[in-house]
């Protein structure tokens, strides 16, 4: 699998940061009684975005959350934004509204929890993982790996389980606000 961007301060690959944040989110969701299915649990995977979307579809996920961090050639770029699928007739039209609502809730919660620069929402029609999804899907971009990142995804990384500084991930939504038309109480994310 692609390692993605690398942190300019830590040297950590984005894939490791994403996975660490995903495990933390998984713990928090499960503590709230929400079933979670991970599309990966290690660095040693080779799974396409289509295959990930199919996993979420087959699970009947209420929401597919694709955790990512950003990178940009300009190291002054800062902040968090959430991507969601554009309305495409025959592809994403059935998940567009629920995905947009989940993106709005996620963006609001992430900015409130981290104090990061609010880069808003991005509607995208060019992402395989969105276009193949039959369940609502979002992609939080949790800060930029290509700057010092005092806030953003570094604040969401796990600390020791015994640490009083253990942060609770803000990416938790009230179930009634996400996708009431989808059966089950399942969340899927990377």
N, C-alpha and C. Protein backbone atom coordinates (compact mmCIF):
# COMPACT_ATOMS: atom_id res chain seq x y z
N UNK A 1 0.83 -1.18 0.00
CA UNK A 1 0.00 0.00 0.00
C UNK A 1 0.87 1.23 0.00
N UNK A 2 0.38 2.31 -0.52
CA UNK A 2 1.11 3.56 -0.53
C UNK A 2 1.24 4.11 0.88
N UNK A 3 2.40 4.60 1.21
CA UNK A 3 2.63 5.19 2.53
C UNK A 3 2.07 6.61 2.60
N UNK A 4 1.76 7.22 1.44
CA UNK A 4 1.25 8.58 1.43
C UNK A 4 2.36 9.57 1.70
N UNK A 5 1.96 10.73 2.23
CA UNK A 5 2.93 11.78 2.56
C UNK A 5 3.72 11.37 3.81
N UNK A 6 4.83 12.07 4.04
CA UNK A 6 5.63 11.83 5.24
C UNK A 6 5.66 13.11 6.06
N UNK A 7 5.56 12.98 7.37
CA UNK A 7 5.62 14.13 8.26
C UNK A 7 6.98 14.79 8.19
N UNK A 8 7.01 16.11 8.01
CA UNK A 8 8.28 16.82 7.90
C UNK A 8 9.00 16.88 9.25
N UNK A 9 8.29 16.78 10.33
CA UNK A 9 8.89 16.83 11.66
C UNK A 9 9.22 15.43 12.16
N UNK A 10 8.26 14.53 12.09
CA UNK A 10 8.42 13.19 12.66
C UNK A 10 8.98 12.18 11.69
N UNK A 11 8.80 12.41 10.39
CA UNK A 11 9.20 11.43 9.40
C UNK A 11 8.22 10.28 9.27
N UNK A 12 7.14 10.29 10.06
CA UNK A 12 6.14 9.22 9.99
C UNK A 12 5.39 9.26 8.67
N UNK A 13 5.13 8.10 8.08
CA UNK A 13 4.30 8.08 6.88
C UNK A 13 2.83 8.32 7.23
N UNK A 14 2.12 8.94 6.31
CA UNK A 14 0.70 9.21 6.52
C UNK A 14 -0.08 7.94 6.85
N UNK A 15 0.27 6.84 6.21
CA UNK A 15 -0.47 5.59 6.44
C UNK A 15 -0.42 5.17 7.91
N UNK A 16 0.71 5.38 8.58
CA UNK A 16 0.83 5.04 10.01
C UNK A 16 0.02 5.99 10.87
N UNK A 17 0.07 7.28 10.54
CA UNK A 17 -0.71 8.27 11.29
C UNK A 17 -2.20 7.98 11.13
N UNK A 18 -2.64 7.71 9.90
CA UNK A 18 -4.05 7.40 9.65
C UNK A 18 -4.50 6.18 10.44
N UNK A 19 -3.67 5.15 10.45
CA UNK A 19 -4.04 3.92 11.15
C UNK A 19 -4.11 4.15 12.67
N UNK A 20 -3.17 4.91 13.21
CA UNK A 20 -3.20 5.21 14.65
C UNK A 20 -4.46 5.98 15.03
N UNK A 21 -4.82 6.96 14.23
CA UNK A 21 -6.05 7.73 14.49
C UNK A 21 -7.27 6.81 14.35
N UNK A 22 -7.26 5.94 13.35
CA UNK A 22 -8.38 5.03 13.13
C UNK A 22 -8.58 4.08 14.31
N UNK A 23 -7.50 3.56 14.87
CA UNK A 23 -7.63 2.69 16.04
C UNK A 23 -8.21 3.46 17.22
N UNK A 24 -7.79 4.69 17.38
CA UNK A 24 -8.32 5.50 18.47
C UNK A 24 -9.81 5.76 18.28
N UNK A 25 -10.20 6.08 17.06
CA UNK A 25 -11.61 6.29 16.77
C UNK A 25 -12.41 5.00 16.97
N UNK A 26 -11.85 3.89 16.55
CA UNK A 26 -12.51 2.59 16.74
C UNK A 26 -12.81 2.35 18.22
N UNK A 27 -11.82 2.58 19.08
CA UNK A 27 -12.01 2.39 20.53
C UNK A 27 -13.15 3.26 21.05
N UNK A 28 -13.17 4.50 20.63
CA UNK A 28 -14.21 5.43 21.10
C UNK A 28 -15.59 5.02 20.60
N UNK A 29 -15.69 4.64 19.35
CA UNK A 29 -16.99 4.23 18.82
C UNK A 29 -17.49 2.97 19.50
N UNK A 30 -16.61 2.00 19.68
CA UNK A 30 -17.01 0.76 20.34
C UNK A 30 -17.41 1.00 21.79
N UNK A 31 -16.76 1.93 22.45
CA UNK A 31 -17.13 2.28 23.82
C UNK A 31 -18.55 2.86 23.88
N UNK A 32 -19.00 3.41 22.75
CA UNK A 32 -20.35 3.96 22.66
C UNK A 32 -21.36 2.94 22.11
N UNK A 33 -20.92 1.69 21.96
CA UNK A 33 -21.82 0.65 21.51
C UNK A 33 -21.99 0.56 20.01
N UNK A 34 -21.11 1.18 19.26
CA UNK A 34 -21.20 1.17 17.80
C UNK A 34 -20.25 0.12 17.25
N UNK A 35 -20.76 -0.74 16.40
CA UNK A 35 -19.92 -1.76 15.76
C UNK A 35 -19.03 -1.11 14.72
N UNK A 36 -17.79 -1.56 14.66
CA UNK A 36 -16.81 -0.98 13.74
C UNK A 36 -16.17 -2.10 12.94
N UNK A 37 -16.00 -1.85 11.66
CA UNK A 37 -15.27 -2.75 10.78
C UNK A 37 -14.12 -1.94 10.20
N UNK A 38 -12.91 -2.42 10.39
CA UNK A 38 -11.73 -1.75 9.85
C UNK A 38 -11.42 -2.33 8.46
N UNK A 39 -11.08 -1.47 7.51
CA UNK A 39 -10.68 -1.98 6.20
C UNK A 39 -9.23 -2.44 6.23
N UNK A 40 -8.48 -2.01 7.23
CA UNK A 40 -7.13 -2.53 7.45
C UNK A 40 -6.78 -2.38 8.92
N UNK A 41 -5.92 -3.27 9.40
CA UNK A 41 -5.47 -3.21 10.80
C UNK A 41 -3.95 -3.25 10.90
N UNK A 42 -3.28 -3.16 9.76
CA UNK A 42 -1.81 -3.15 9.76
C UNK A 42 -1.33 -2.39 8.53
N UNK A 43 -0.03 -2.21 8.48
CA UNK A 43 0.59 -1.56 7.32
C UNK A 43 0.77 -2.53 6.17
N UNK A 44 0.68 -3.83 6.46
CA UNK A 44 0.98 -4.87 5.48
C UNK A 44 -0.26 -5.27 4.70
N UNK A 45 -0.85 -4.34 3.96
CA UNK A 45 -2.03 -4.64 3.16
C UNK A 45 -1.87 -4.04 1.77
N UNK A 46 -2.58 -4.62 0.85
CA UNK A 46 -2.63 -4.09 -0.50
C UNK A 46 -4.08 -4.18 -0.93
N UNK A 47 -4.85 -3.16 -0.59
CA UNK A 47 -6.29 -3.17 -0.86
C UNK A 47 -6.66 -1.87 -1.58
N UNK A 48 -7.37 -2.03 -2.68
CA UNK A 48 -7.73 -0.86 -3.48
C UNK A 48 -8.86 -0.06 -2.83
N UNK A 49 -9.04 1.15 -3.30
CA UNK A 49 -10.16 1.98 -2.81
C UNK A 49 -11.51 1.39 -3.22
N UNK A 50 -11.56 0.72 -4.36
CA UNK A 50 -12.79 0.05 -4.76
C UNK A 50 -13.10 -1.08 -3.78
N UNK A 51 -12.09 -1.88 -3.44
CA UNK A 51 -12.29 -2.98 -2.50
C UNK A 51 -12.72 -2.46 -1.13
N UNK A 52 -12.17 -1.35 -0.70
CA UNK A 52 -12.57 -0.76 0.59
C UNK A 52 -14.04 -0.34 0.54
N UNK A 53 -14.43 0.32 -0.55
CA UNK A 53 -15.83 0.73 -0.70
C UNK A 53 -16.75 -0.48 -0.70
N UNK A 54 -16.34 -1.55 -1.38
CA UNK A 54 -17.15 -2.76 -1.41
C UNK A 54 -17.29 -3.37 -0.02
N UNK A 55 -16.23 -3.30 0.80
CA UNK A 55 -16.33 -3.79 2.18
C UNK A 55 -17.40 -3.01 2.95
N UNK A 56 -17.39 -1.70 2.81
CA UNK A 56 -18.38 -0.87 3.49
C UNK A 56 -19.79 -1.19 2.97
N UNK A 57 -19.91 -1.37 1.65
CA UNK A 57 -21.21 -1.69 1.05
C UNK A 57 -21.74 -3.02 1.58
N UNK A 58 -20.88 -4.03 1.56
CA UNK A 58 -21.29 -5.37 2.00
C UNK A 58 -21.66 -5.39 3.48
N UNK A 59 -21.03 -4.53 4.26
CA UNK A 59 -21.34 -4.46 5.69
C UNK A 59 -22.63 -3.68 5.96
N UNK A 60 -23.11 -2.97 4.96
CA UNK A 60 -24.29 -2.13 5.16
C UNK A 60 -23.99 -0.99 6.12
N UNK A 61 -22.79 -0.44 6.00
CA UNK A 61 -22.33 0.59 6.94
C UNK A 61 -23.25 1.80 6.95
N UNK A 62 -23.45 2.35 8.12
CA UNK A 62 -24.20 3.61 8.25
C UNK A 62 -23.34 4.77 7.75
N UNK A 63 -22.02 4.63 7.91
CA UNK A 63 -21.11 5.67 7.45
C UNK A 63 -19.74 5.05 7.24
N UNK A 64 -19.14 5.35 6.10
CA UNK A 64 -17.80 4.91 5.74
C UNK A 64 -16.90 6.13 5.94
N UNK A 65 -15.99 6.05 6.91
CA UNK A 65 -15.09 7.18 7.22
C UNK A 65 -13.69 6.82 6.75
N UNK A 66 -13.17 7.58 5.82
CA UNK A 66 -11.84 7.35 5.25
C UNK A 66 -10.87 8.36 5.85
N UNK A 67 -10.14 7.97 6.87
CA UNK A 67 -9.24 8.86 7.60
C UNK A 67 -8.00 9.16 6.76
N UNK A 68 -7.66 10.45 6.64
CA UNK A 68 -6.47 10.87 5.90
C UNK A 68 -5.86 12.12 6.53
N UNK A 69 -4.62 12.40 6.13
CA UNK A 69 -3.96 13.68 6.42
C UNK A 69 -3.53 14.25 5.08
N UNK A 70 -3.44 15.56 5.01
CA UNK A 70 -3.11 16.26 3.77
C UNK A 70 -1.61 16.44 3.60
N UNK A 71 -1.23 16.81 2.40
CA UNK A 71 0.14 17.23 2.08
C UNK A 71 0.03 18.31 1.00
N UNK A 72 0.97 19.24 1.02
CA UNK A 72 0.95 20.30 0.02
C UNK A 72 2.36 20.85 -0.10
N UNK A 73 2.74 21.29 -1.31
CA UNK A 73 4.10 21.81 -1.51
C UNK A 73 4.36 23.08 -0.72
N UNK A 74 3.33 23.84 -0.40
CA UNK A 74 3.49 25.04 0.40
C UNK A 74 3.37 24.65 1.87
N UNK A 75 4.46 24.71 2.61
CA UNK A 75 4.48 24.23 3.99
C UNK A 75 3.69 25.13 4.95
N UNK A 76 3.17 26.25 4.46
CA UNK A 76 2.36 27.10 5.34
C UNK A 76 0.88 26.68 5.33
N UNK A 77 0.52 25.71 4.47
CA UNK A 77 -0.87 25.24 4.42
C UNK A 77 -1.22 24.59 5.75
N UNK A 78 -2.37 24.98 6.31
CA UNK A 78 -2.79 24.49 7.61
C UNK A 78 -4.29 24.24 7.62
N UNK A 79 -4.72 23.38 8.52
CA UNK A 79 -6.14 23.22 8.76
C UNK A 79 -6.69 21.85 8.43
N UNK A 80 -7.98 21.74 8.66
CA UNK A 80 -8.72 20.50 8.47
C UNK A 80 -9.87 20.77 7.50
N UNK A 81 -10.12 19.83 6.62
CA UNK A 81 -11.31 19.89 5.77
C UNK A 81 -11.83 18.47 5.59
N UNK A 82 -13.09 18.38 5.23
CA UNK A 82 -13.72 17.07 5.03
C UNK A 82 -14.24 16.98 3.61
N UNK A 83 -13.87 15.91 2.94
CA UNK A 83 -14.31 15.64 1.58
C UNK A 83 -15.53 14.73 1.62
N UNK A 84 -16.40 14.89 0.64
CA UNK A 84 -17.57 14.03 0.50
C UNK A 84 -17.90 13.93 -0.99
N UNK A 85 -18.67 12.90 -1.38
CA UNK A 85 -18.92 12.70 -2.81
C UNK A 85 -19.84 13.75 -3.41
N UNK A 86 -19.53 14.14 -4.62
CA UNK A 86 -20.41 15.01 -5.40
C UNK A 86 -21.64 14.22 -5.84
N UNK A 87 -22.66 14.92 -6.22
CA UNK A 87 -23.88 14.30 -6.72
C UNK A 87 -23.64 13.84 -8.15
N UNK A 88 -23.62 12.53 -8.38
CA UNK A 88 -23.46 11.97 -9.72
C UNK A 88 -24.61 10.99 -9.94
N UNK A 89 -25.48 11.33 -10.86
CA UNK A 89 -26.64 10.49 -11.17
C UNK A 89 -26.19 9.07 -11.48
N UNK A 90 -26.79 8.10 -10.81
CA UNK A 90 -26.47 6.70 -11.05
C UNK A 90 -25.27 6.19 -10.27
N UNK A 91 -24.54 7.08 -9.62
CA UNK A 91 -23.35 6.66 -8.85
C UNK A 91 -23.49 7.06 -7.39
N UNK A 92 -23.58 8.33 -7.11
CA UNK A 92 -23.59 8.79 -5.71
C UNK A 92 -24.87 9.53 -5.34
N UNK A 93 -25.81 9.60 -6.25
CA UNK A 93 -27.04 10.35 -5.97
C UNK A 93 -27.78 9.82 -4.74
N UNK A 94 -27.70 8.52 -4.47
CA UNK A 94 -28.41 7.93 -3.34
C UNK A 94 -27.71 8.14 -2.00
N UNK A 95 -26.45 8.54 -2.02
CA UNK A 95 -25.71 8.75 -0.76
C UNK A 95 -25.28 10.21 -0.57
N UNK A 96 -25.55 11.03 -1.56
CA UNK A 96 -25.07 12.42 -1.54
C UNK A 96 -25.52 13.18 -0.30
N UNK A 97 -26.80 13.24 -0.02
CA UNK A 97 -27.32 14.06 1.09
C UNK A 97 -26.79 13.59 2.43
N UNK A 98 -26.82 12.29 2.67
CA UNK A 98 -26.33 11.76 3.95
C UNK A 98 -24.82 11.98 4.10
N UNK A 99 -24.08 11.84 3.00
CA UNK A 99 -22.63 12.06 3.04
C UNK A 99 -22.33 13.53 3.34
N UNK A 100 -23.05 14.43 2.68
CA UNK A 100 -22.85 15.87 2.92
C UNK A 100 -23.17 16.21 4.38
N UNK A 101 -24.25 15.68 4.92
CA UNK A 101 -24.61 15.95 6.32
C UNK A 101 -23.55 15.41 7.27
N UNK A 102 -23.05 14.22 7.02
CA UNK A 102 -21.98 13.65 7.85
C UNK A 102 -20.72 14.50 7.76
N UNK A 103 -20.40 15.00 6.56
CA UNK A 103 -19.23 15.86 6.38
C UNK A 103 -19.38 17.15 7.18
N UNK A 104 -20.57 17.74 7.15
CA UNK A 104 -20.82 18.97 7.92
C UNK A 104 -20.63 18.72 9.42
N UNK A 105 -21.20 17.62 9.91
CA UNK A 105 -21.07 17.29 11.34
C UNK A 105 -19.62 17.02 11.72
N UNK A 106 -18.92 16.28 10.87
CA UNK A 106 -17.52 15.96 11.14
C UNK A 106 -16.66 17.22 11.16
N UNK A 107 -16.83 18.07 10.16
CA UNK A 107 -16.02 19.30 10.10
C UNK A 107 -16.24 20.16 11.33
N UNK A 108 -17.48 20.34 11.70
CA UNK A 108 -17.80 21.15 12.87
C UNK A 108 -17.17 20.57 14.14
N UNK A 109 -17.30 19.25 14.32
CA UNK A 109 -16.75 18.60 15.51
C UNK A 109 -15.23 18.65 15.53
N UNK A 110 -14.61 18.44 14.38
CA UNK A 110 -13.14 18.45 14.32
C UNK A 110 -12.57 19.83 14.63
N UNK A 111 -13.17 20.87 14.09
CA UNK A 111 -12.69 22.23 14.33
C UNK A 111 -12.89 22.59 15.80
N UNK A 112 -14.03 22.25 16.35
CA UNK A 112 -14.30 22.54 17.76
C UNK A 112 -13.32 21.80 18.67
N UNK A 113 -12.97 20.55 18.33
CA UNK A 113 -12.10 19.74 19.18
C UNK A 113 -10.63 20.11 19.08
N UNK A 114 -10.20 20.58 17.91
CA UNK A 114 -8.76 20.81 17.71
C UNK A 114 -8.37 22.28 17.66
N UNK A 115 -9.31 23.16 17.33
CA UNK A 115 -8.97 24.57 17.14
C UNK A 115 -8.23 24.81 15.84
N UNK A 116 -8.22 23.84 14.96
CA UNK A 116 -7.51 23.96 13.69
C UNK A 116 -8.20 24.97 12.77
N UNK A 117 -7.45 25.44 11.79
CA UNK A 117 -8.00 26.30 10.74
C UNK A 117 -9.09 25.54 10.00
N UNK A 118 -10.23 26.15 9.82
CA UNK A 118 -11.37 25.53 9.15
C UNK A 118 -11.24 25.73 7.64
N UNK A 119 -10.88 24.68 6.94
CA UNK A 119 -10.74 24.74 5.48
C UNK A 119 -12.04 24.34 4.77
N UNK A 120 -13.08 24.05 5.55
CA UNK A 120 -14.40 23.81 4.98
C UNK A 120 -14.61 22.41 4.42
N UNK A 121 -15.60 22.31 3.57
CA UNK A 121 -15.98 21.05 2.95
C UNK A 121 -15.57 21.05 1.49
N UNK A 122 -15.24 19.87 0.97
CA UNK A 122 -14.89 19.72 -0.44
C UNK A 122 -15.71 18.62 -1.06
N UNK A 123 -16.53 18.98 -2.03
CA UNK A 123 -17.33 18.01 -2.78
C UNK A 123 -16.47 17.51 -3.92
N UNK A 124 -16.33 16.17 -4.03
CA UNK A 124 -15.43 15.60 -5.03
C UNK A 124 -16.13 14.56 -5.90
N UNK A 125 -15.84 14.61 -7.19
CA UNK A 125 -16.41 13.63 -8.11
C UNK A 125 -15.34 12.72 -8.72
N UNK A 126 -14.11 12.84 -8.23
CA UNK A 126 -12.97 12.16 -8.84
C UNK A 126 -12.33 11.11 -7.94
N UNK A 127 -13.04 10.65 -6.91
CA UNK A 127 -12.44 9.72 -5.96
C UNK A 127 -13.12 8.36 -6.05
N UNK A 128 -12.34 7.35 -6.40
CA UNK A 128 -12.85 6.00 -6.57
C UNK A 128 -13.59 5.51 -5.34
N UNK A 129 -13.02 5.74 -4.16
CA UNK A 129 -13.64 5.28 -2.92
C UNK A 129 -15.00 5.91 -2.66
N UNK A 130 -15.23 7.09 -3.21
CA UNK A 130 -16.54 7.73 -3.11
C UNK A 130 -17.49 7.17 -4.18
N UNK A 131 -17.01 7.13 -5.40
CA UNK A 131 -17.87 6.78 -6.53
C UNK A 131 -18.33 5.33 -6.51
N UNK A 132 -17.59 4.45 -5.84
CA UNK A 132 -17.98 3.04 -5.73
C UNK A 132 -18.75 2.76 -4.45
N UNK A 133 -18.91 3.75 -3.61
CA UNK A 133 -19.60 3.53 -2.34
C UNK A 133 -21.11 3.59 -2.52
N UNK A 134 -21.80 2.63 -1.92
CA UNK A 134 -23.26 2.63 -1.89
C UNK A 134 -23.78 3.03 -0.52
N UNK A 135 -22.86 3.41 0.37
CA UNK A 135 -23.22 3.87 1.71
C UNK A 135 -22.63 5.27 1.88
N UNK A 136 -23.20 6.08 2.75
CA UNK A 136 -22.64 7.42 2.96
C UNK A 136 -21.15 7.34 3.32
N UNK A 137 -20.38 8.28 2.78
CA UNK A 137 -18.93 8.23 2.93
C UNK A 137 -18.37 9.64 3.06
N UNK A 138 -17.36 9.77 3.92
CA UNK A 138 -16.63 11.04 4.06
C UNK A 138 -15.14 10.75 4.18
N UNK A 139 -14.33 11.77 3.90
CA UNK A 139 -12.89 11.67 4.07
C UNK A 139 -12.39 12.90 4.81
N UNK A 140 -12.24 12.81 6.13
CA UNK A 140 -11.64 13.91 6.87
C UNK A 140 -10.14 13.99 6.56
N UNK A 141 -9.68 15.14 6.13
CA UNK A 141 -8.26 15.42 5.94
C UNK A 141 -7.83 16.17 7.19
N UNK A 142 -7.12 15.47 8.08
CA UNK A 142 -6.91 15.91 9.46
C UNK A 142 -5.63 16.71 9.68
N UNK A 143 -5.35 17.63 8.79
CA UNK A 143 -4.17 18.46 8.94
C UNK A 143 -3.15 18.12 7.87
N UNK A 144 -2.06 18.87 7.84
CA UNK A 144 -1.05 18.73 6.80
C UNK A 144 0.22 18.10 7.35
N UNK A 145 0.63 17.02 6.73
CA UNK A 145 1.88 16.33 7.09
C UNK A 145 3.09 17.18 6.70
N UNK A 146 2.89 18.14 5.82
CA UNK A 146 3.99 18.90 5.22
C UNK A 146 4.27 20.22 5.94
N UNK A 147 3.78 20.35 7.16
CA UNK A 147 4.16 21.50 7.98
C UNK A 147 4.39 21.04 9.41
N UNK A 148 4.58 21.96 10.31
CA UNK A 148 4.91 21.62 11.68
C UNK A 148 3.74 20.98 12.44
N UNK A 149 2.52 21.17 11.98
CA UNK A 149 1.33 20.53 12.51
C UNK A 149 1.23 20.57 14.04
N UNK A 150 1.12 21.75 14.56
CA UNK A 150 0.92 21.88 16.00
C UNK A 150 -0.47 21.41 16.41
N UNK A 151 -1.40 21.47 15.45
CA UNK A 151 -2.76 20.99 15.70
C UNK A 151 -3.16 20.12 14.53
N UNK A 152 -4.36 19.62 14.55
CA UNK A 152 -4.81 18.77 13.47
C UNK A 152 -4.56 17.32 13.81
N UNK A 153 -4.05 16.54 12.85
CA UNK A 153 -3.97 15.11 13.09
C UNK A 153 -3.01 14.74 14.21
N UNK A 154 -2.00 15.54 14.49
CA UNK A 154 -1.12 15.19 15.61
C UNK A 154 -1.88 15.22 16.94
N UNK A 155 -2.85 16.12 17.09
CA UNK A 155 -3.63 16.16 18.33
C UNK A 155 -4.56 14.97 18.45
N UNK A 156 -4.82 14.28 17.36
CA UNK A 156 -5.72 13.14 17.39
C UNK A 156 -4.98 11.82 17.55
N UNK A 157 -3.65 11.85 17.55
CA UNK A 157 -2.89 10.62 17.71
C UNK A 157 -3.08 10.06 19.12
N UNK A 158 -3.03 8.74 19.23
CA UNK A 158 -3.21 8.14 20.55
C UNK A 158 -2.09 8.52 21.51
N UNK A 159 -2.47 8.69 22.76
CA UNK A 159 -1.50 8.79 23.84
C UNK A 159 -1.63 7.50 24.63
N UNK A 160 -0.84 7.32 25.63
CA UNK A 160 -0.94 6.12 26.44
C UNK A 160 -2.36 5.95 26.97
N UNK A 161 -2.83 4.71 26.99
CA UNK A 161 -4.18 4.46 27.49
C UNK A 161 -4.33 4.90 28.95
N UNK A 162 -3.25 4.90 29.69
CA UNK A 162 -3.34 5.29 31.10
C UNK A 162 -3.15 6.79 31.29
N UNK A 163 -2.84 7.48 30.20
CA UNK A 163 -2.56 8.91 30.30
C UNK A 163 -3.84 9.71 30.52
N UNK A 164 -3.82 10.68 31.45
CA UNK A 164 -4.98 11.53 31.63
C UNK A 164 -5.21 12.45 30.43
N UNK A 165 -4.21 12.56 29.55
CA UNK A 165 -4.33 13.41 28.37
C UNK A 165 -4.97 12.67 27.20
N UNK A 166 -5.45 11.44 27.44
CA UNK A 166 -6.06 10.65 26.36
C UNK A 166 -7.20 11.44 25.73
N UNK A 167 -7.02 11.80 24.47
CA UNK A 167 -8.02 12.61 23.77
C UNK A 167 -9.12 11.73 23.22
N UNK A 168 -10.34 12.20 23.28
CA UNK A 168 -11.44 11.50 22.63
C UNK A 168 -11.59 12.05 21.22
N UNK A 169 -11.65 11.17 20.23
CA UNK A 169 -11.80 11.66 18.87
C UNK A 169 -13.14 12.38 18.69
N UNK A 170 -13.14 13.49 18.00
CA UNK A 170 -14.37 14.24 17.78
C UNK A 170 -15.25 13.68 16.69
N UNK A 171 -14.74 12.69 15.94
CA UNK A 171 -15.50 12.16 14.81
C UNK A 171 -16.54 11.14 15.26
N UNK A 172 -17.41 11.54 16.16
CA UNK A 172 -18.49 10.67 16.60
C UNK A 172 -19.78 11.45 16.43
N UNK A 173 -20.72 10.87 15.74
CA UNK A 173 -21.96 11.57 15.42
C UNK A 173 -23.11 10.91 16.14
N UNK A 174 -24.12 11.70 16.44
CA UNK A 174 -25.36 11.11 16.93
C UNK A 174 -25.95 10.30 15.80
N UNK A 175 -26.31 9.08 16.07
CA UNK A 175 -26.78 8.16 15.04
C UNK A 175 -27.94 8.74 14.25
N UNK A 176 -28.85 9.42 14.90
CA UNK A 176 -30.03 9.94 14.21
C UNK A 176 -29.69 11.03 13.21
N UNK A 177 -28.51 11.60 13.29
CA UNK A 177 -28.13 12.69 12.39
C UNK A 177 -27.42 12.22 11.12
N UNK A 178 -27.10 10.94 11.04
CA UNK A 178 -26.27 10.52 9.92
C UNK A 178 -27.09 9.94 8.79
N UNK A 179 -27.57 8.74 8.91
CA UNK A 179 -28.26 8.10 7.79
C UNK A 179 -29.41 7.24 8.28
N UNK A 180 -30.52 7.85 8.62
CA UNK A 180 -31.62 7.08 9.16
C UNK A 180 -32.20 6.06 8.19
N UNK A 181 -31.94 6.19 6.90
CA UNK A 181 -32.49 5.25 5.93
C UNK A 181 -31.66 3.99 5.79
N UNK A 182 -30.47 3.94 6.39
CA UNK A 182 -29.63 2.76 6.27
C UNK A 182 -29.85 1.83 7.46
N UNK A 183 -29.98 0.54 7.24
CA UNK A 183 -30.23 -0.39 8.34
C UNK A 183 -28.97 -0.62 9.17
N UNK A 184 -29.16 -0.99 10.41
CA UNK A 184 -28.06 -1.39 11.29
C UNK A 184 -27.35 -0.23 11.94
N UNK A 185 -26.51 -0.57 12.90
CA UNK A 185 -25.69 0.43 13.60
C UNK A 185 -24.24 0.12 13.35
N UNK A 186 -23.80 0.27 12.13
CA UNK A 186 -22.42 -0.06 11.82
C UNK A 186 -21.70 1.12 11.21
N UNK A 187 -20.47 1.27 11.57
CA UNK A 187 -19.61 2.29 10.99
C UNK A 187 -18.42 1.56 10.38
N UNK A 188 -17.94 2.03 9.27
CA UNK A 188 -16.75 1.46 8.66
C UNK A 188 -15.80 2.61 8.38
N UNK A 189 -14.54 2.44 8.68
CA UNK A 189 -13.59 3.47 8.33
C UNK A 189 -12.23 2.86 8.16
N UNK A 190 -11.36 3.63 7.57
CA UNK A 190 -9.98 3.19 7.34
C UNK A 190 -9.11 3.72 8.42
